[in-house]
Protein backbone atom coordinates (compact mmCIF):
# COMPACT_ATOMS: atom_id res chain seq x y z
CA MET A 1 104.58 96.45 119.67
CA ASP A 2 102.86 94.02 117.28
CA LYS A 3 99.65 92.50 118.62
CA ASN A 4 99.32 89.62 116.09
CA TYR A 5 95.57 89.78 115.71
CA THR A 6 93.91 87.81 112.93
CA VAL A 7 94.04 89.29 109.43
CA VAL A 8 91.08 88.55 107.11
CA GLU A 9 90.38 88.77 103.37
CA THR A 10 86.81 88.70 102.00
CA SER A 11 87.33 88.80 98.24
CA LYS A 12 85.27 85.67 97.38
CA ILE A 13 82.29 86.10 99.69
CA ALA A 14 78.88 86.57 98.02
CA ALA A 15 77.78 89.05 100.71
CA VAL A 16 80.53 91.44 99.57
CA ARG A 17 78.72 91.78 96.22
CA GLY A 18 75.15 91.83 97.53
CA GLY A 19 74.58 88.07 97.44
CA GLY A 20 74.07 87.79 101.19
CA HIS A 21 73.44 89.79 104.30
CA LEU A 22 75.85 92.24 105.84
CA TYR A 23 75.21 92.85 109.54
CA SER A 24 76.15 95.61 111.91
CA LEU A 25 77.21 93.88 115.13
CA ILE A 26 78.36 94.97 118.57
CA ALA A 27 79.94 93.09 121.47
CA ASP A 28 80.88 93.90 125.04
CA VAL A 29 84.36 92.40 124.45
CA ASP A 30 86.99 92.98 121.74
CA VAL A 31 86.46 90.76 118.66
CA GLU A 32 89.12 90.03 116.06
CA ASN A 33 88.53 90.22 112.33
CA GLY A 34 88.44 86.79 110.71
CA HIS A 35 86.63 85.23 113.66
CA ILE A 36 83.12 83.79 113.55
CA GLY A 37 79.98 84.02 115.64
CA TYR A 38 76.24 84.47 115.47
CA VAL A 39 73.84 87.37 114.97
CA GLY A 40 71.85 88.00 118.14
CA ASP A 41 68.90 90.24 118.92
CA LEU A 42 68.87 93.95 118.16
CA ALA A 43 71.10 95.79 120.61
CA ASP A 44 68.94 97.96 122.82
CA ASP A 45 71.84 100.18 123.87
CA VAL A 46 72.61 101.43 120.33
CA GLU A 47 70.22 104.21 119.45
CA GLY A 48 68.96 104.64 115.89
CA LEU A 49 70.95 101.83 114.26
CA GLU A 50 70.02 98.31 113.21
CA THR A 51 72.86 96.86 115.21
CA HIS A 52 72.66 93.32 116.52
CA GLU A 53 74.44 91.71 119.44
CA PHE A 54 77.41 89.52 118.43
CA LEU A 55 77.16 86.07 119.98
CA ALA A 56 80.21 83.85 120.41
CA PRO A 57 79.65 80.15 119.62
CA THR A 58 78.17 78.06 122.44
CA ALA A 59 77.02 74.44 122.50
CA ASP A 60 73.40 75.70 122.41
CA LEU A 61 73.97 77.83 119.27
CA ILE A 62 76.11 75.49 117.16
CA GLY A 63 73.99 73.97 114.39
CA LYS A 64 70.91 75.99 115.43
CA ASP A 65 71.81 79.06 113.38
CA ARG A 66 74.19 80.11 110.61
CA VAL A 67 77.55 81.65 111.50
CA VAL A 68 78.78 85.01 110.23
CA LEU A 69 82.34 86.15 109.55
CA VAL A 70 83.63 89.24 111.36
CA ALA A 71 85.38 91.45 108.80
CA ASN A 72 85.38 95.16 109.50
CA PRO A 73 87.51 97.63 107.51
CA GLU A 74 90.79 98.03 109.41
CA TRP A 75 90.57 101.70 110.24
CA ASP A 76 92.47 103.08 113.17
CA TYR A 77 92.06 106.62 114.37
CA ASP A 78 95.52 106.71 115.96
CA GLU A 79 97.81 107.29 113.00
CA THR A 80 100.75 108.60 115.02
CA ARG A 81 102.78 105.47 114.29
CA ARG A 82 102.97 103.51 111.07
CA THR A 83 102.68 100.20 112.97
CA ASN A 84 99.20 101.22 114.16
CA GLN A 85 98.11 100.85 110.53
CA ALA A 86 99.34 97.25 110.17
CA LEU A 87 96.42 94.85 109.65
CA TYR A 88 97.68 92.49 112.37
CA ASN A 89 97.43 95.31 114.93
CA TYR A 90 93.71 95.97 114.32
CA ILE A 91 90.89 94.75 116.56
CA ASN A 92 87.18 95.54 116.74
CA GLU A 93 86.93 97.23 120.10
CA ALA A 94 84.21 96.46 122.62
CA ASP A 95 81.07 98.60 122.40
CA ARG A 96 81.84 99.83 118.86
CA PRO A 97 79.84 98.46 115.89
CA PHE A 98 81.60 96.22 113.37
CA ARG A 99 80.63 94.22 110.27
CA GLY A 100 79.62 90.58 110.01
CA TYR A 101 79.13 88.79 106.68
CA ASP A 102 76.83 85.89 105.81
CA LEU A 103 78.74 82.83 104.63
CA ILE A 104 77.23 80.48 102.06
CA ALA A 105 78.44 77.33 100.32
CA ARG A 106 81.26 78.01 97.83
CA ASP A 107 82.28 81.29 99.51
CA VAL A 108 86.02 81.56 100.12
CA TYR A 109 87.63 83.77 102.73
CA ALA A 110 91.17 83.90 104.03
CA VAL A 111 92.62 84.36 107.51
CA SER A 112 96.03 84.39 109.10
CA LYS A 113 96.80 81.42 111.35
CA GLU A 114 95.46 83.26 114.40
CA GLY A 115 91.92 82.73 113.05
CA ILE A 116 92.27 78.93 113.14
CA ASN A 117 92.57 76.66 116.17
CA TYR A 118 94.97 74.09 114.70
CA GLY A 119 95.62 72.23 117.94
CA SER A 120 99.04 70.61 118.32
CA ALA A 121 99.92 70.87 114.60
CA ASP A 122 102.74 73.22 113.59
CA ALA A 123 100.38 75.28 111.43
CA PRO A 124 97.01 74.98 109.68
CA GLU A 125 97.15 72.32 106.96
CA ILE A 126 95.81 72.42 103.41
CA GLY A 127 93.17 69.73 102.90
CA LYS A 128 91.96 69.73 106.51
CA TYR A 129 88.46 70.84 107.48
CA VAL A 130 87.21 73.50 109.90
CA ILE A 131 84.14 73.58 112.13
CA VAL A 132 82.68 75.81 114.85
CA GLU A 133 83.94 75.23 118.39
CA ALA A 134 81.97 76.10 121.53
CA GLY A 135 83.60 78.86 123.56
CA LYS A 136 85.86 80.02 120.71
CA THR A 137 85.38 82.53 117.90
CA THR A 138 88.11 80.88 115.80
CA VAL A 139 87.32 77.91 113.57
CA LYS A 140 88.71 74.53 114.66
CA MET A 141 90.81 72.43 112.26
CA VAL A 142 89.61 68.80 112.12
CA GLU A 143 89.70 65.66 109.97
CA LYS A 144 86.85 65.02 107.53
CA ALA A 145 85.33 62.38 109.84
CA ASP A 146 84.82 65.05 112.52
CA THR A 147 82.55 67.13 110.25
CA THR A 148 79.62 64.69 110.41
CA GLY A 149 76.48 66.38 111.72
CA GLN A 150 78.07 69.85 111.75
CA GLY A 151 76.06 72.80 110.44
CA PHE A 152 79.18 74.78 109.53
CA VAL A 153 81.95 73.07 107.58
CA GLY A 154 84.82 74.65 105.68
CA LYS A 155 87.96 73.31 104.04
CA ILE A 156 91.45 74.82 103.99
CA ILE A 157 92.22 74.93 100.27
CA GLY A 158 95.40 76.99 99.92
CA THR A 159 97.82 79.56 101.27
CA ALA A 160 99.46 82.79 100.14
CA LYS A 161 102.08 85.14 101.51
CA ARG A 162 100.85 88.65 102.26
CA GLY A 163 102.05 91.79 103.97
CA LEU A 164 102.78 95.39 103.15
CA GLY A 165 106.34 96.56 102.78
CA TRP A 166 108.06 93.19 102.57
CA LYS A 167 110.45 92.12 99.89
CA THR A 168 113.35 89.77 99.36
CA GLU A 169 116.54 91.37 98.19
CA GLY A 170 120.00 89.87 98.08
CA GLY A 171 118.77 86.73 99.83
CA LYS A 172 117.42 88.73 102.80
CA GLN A 173 113.79 89.34 103.63
CA TYR A 174 112.70 92.82 104.68
CA GLY A 175 109.41 93.80 106.28
CA ARG A 176 106.92 91.48 108.00
CA PRO A 177 105.09 89.06 105.74
CA TYR A 178 102.49 86.62 107.01
CA ILE A 179 100.72 83.57 105.58
CA ILE A 180 96.98 83.53 105.00
CA TYR A 181 94.89 80.37 104.69
CA PHE A 182 92.01 80.18 102.22
CA ILE A 183 88.88 78.53 103.63
CA GLU A 184 86.14 77.36 101.28
CA ILE A 185 82.70 77.10 102.86
CA LEU A 186 81.18 73.68 102.22
CA ARG A 187 78.05 74.27 104.30
CA ASN A 188 76.61 76.79 106.76
CA ASP A 189 73.21 75.36 107.63
CA ILE A 190 70.87 74.72 110.49
CA VAL A 191 70.99 71.02 111.46
CA GLY A 192 68.81 68.82 113.65
């Protein structure tokens, strides 16, 4: 059964090429790829590794630190079914380290719609902005006016269709494609 977790792409992030920090994070709950949060203190229950606690956004953290993007390679040790290997069925399990990437201005990453809280809209919209939301690890889609005073601001700049094994033949679509939304980072700063 498909789980519809967020799918993430990191191809235009400076940290992928050594232009930013890459963190080893751990959480006591499952965390989806393509979600955001903060780097906490070193985890004292992980021996011998520089692994930090993953912190979900709270009102106290927003604007006081820079967010990181969760984007771990989608490996799954249960390869008994092909669907287990689908990107939308992967999650970073609780108590297992995963990767978090620094985000800086002009970075671009992409997520499936599950990584964006788009409210009552039918889907995320190109040209809208995204900010951090307390209590959520997804970004929140907002109007430009709502970005004032925010430390983290991104903009949805485009979409693309992705998915392995899908094709259109004879007017019919086979496989399971999904749409990803490209988010350009406008700022990821400490404010106040």
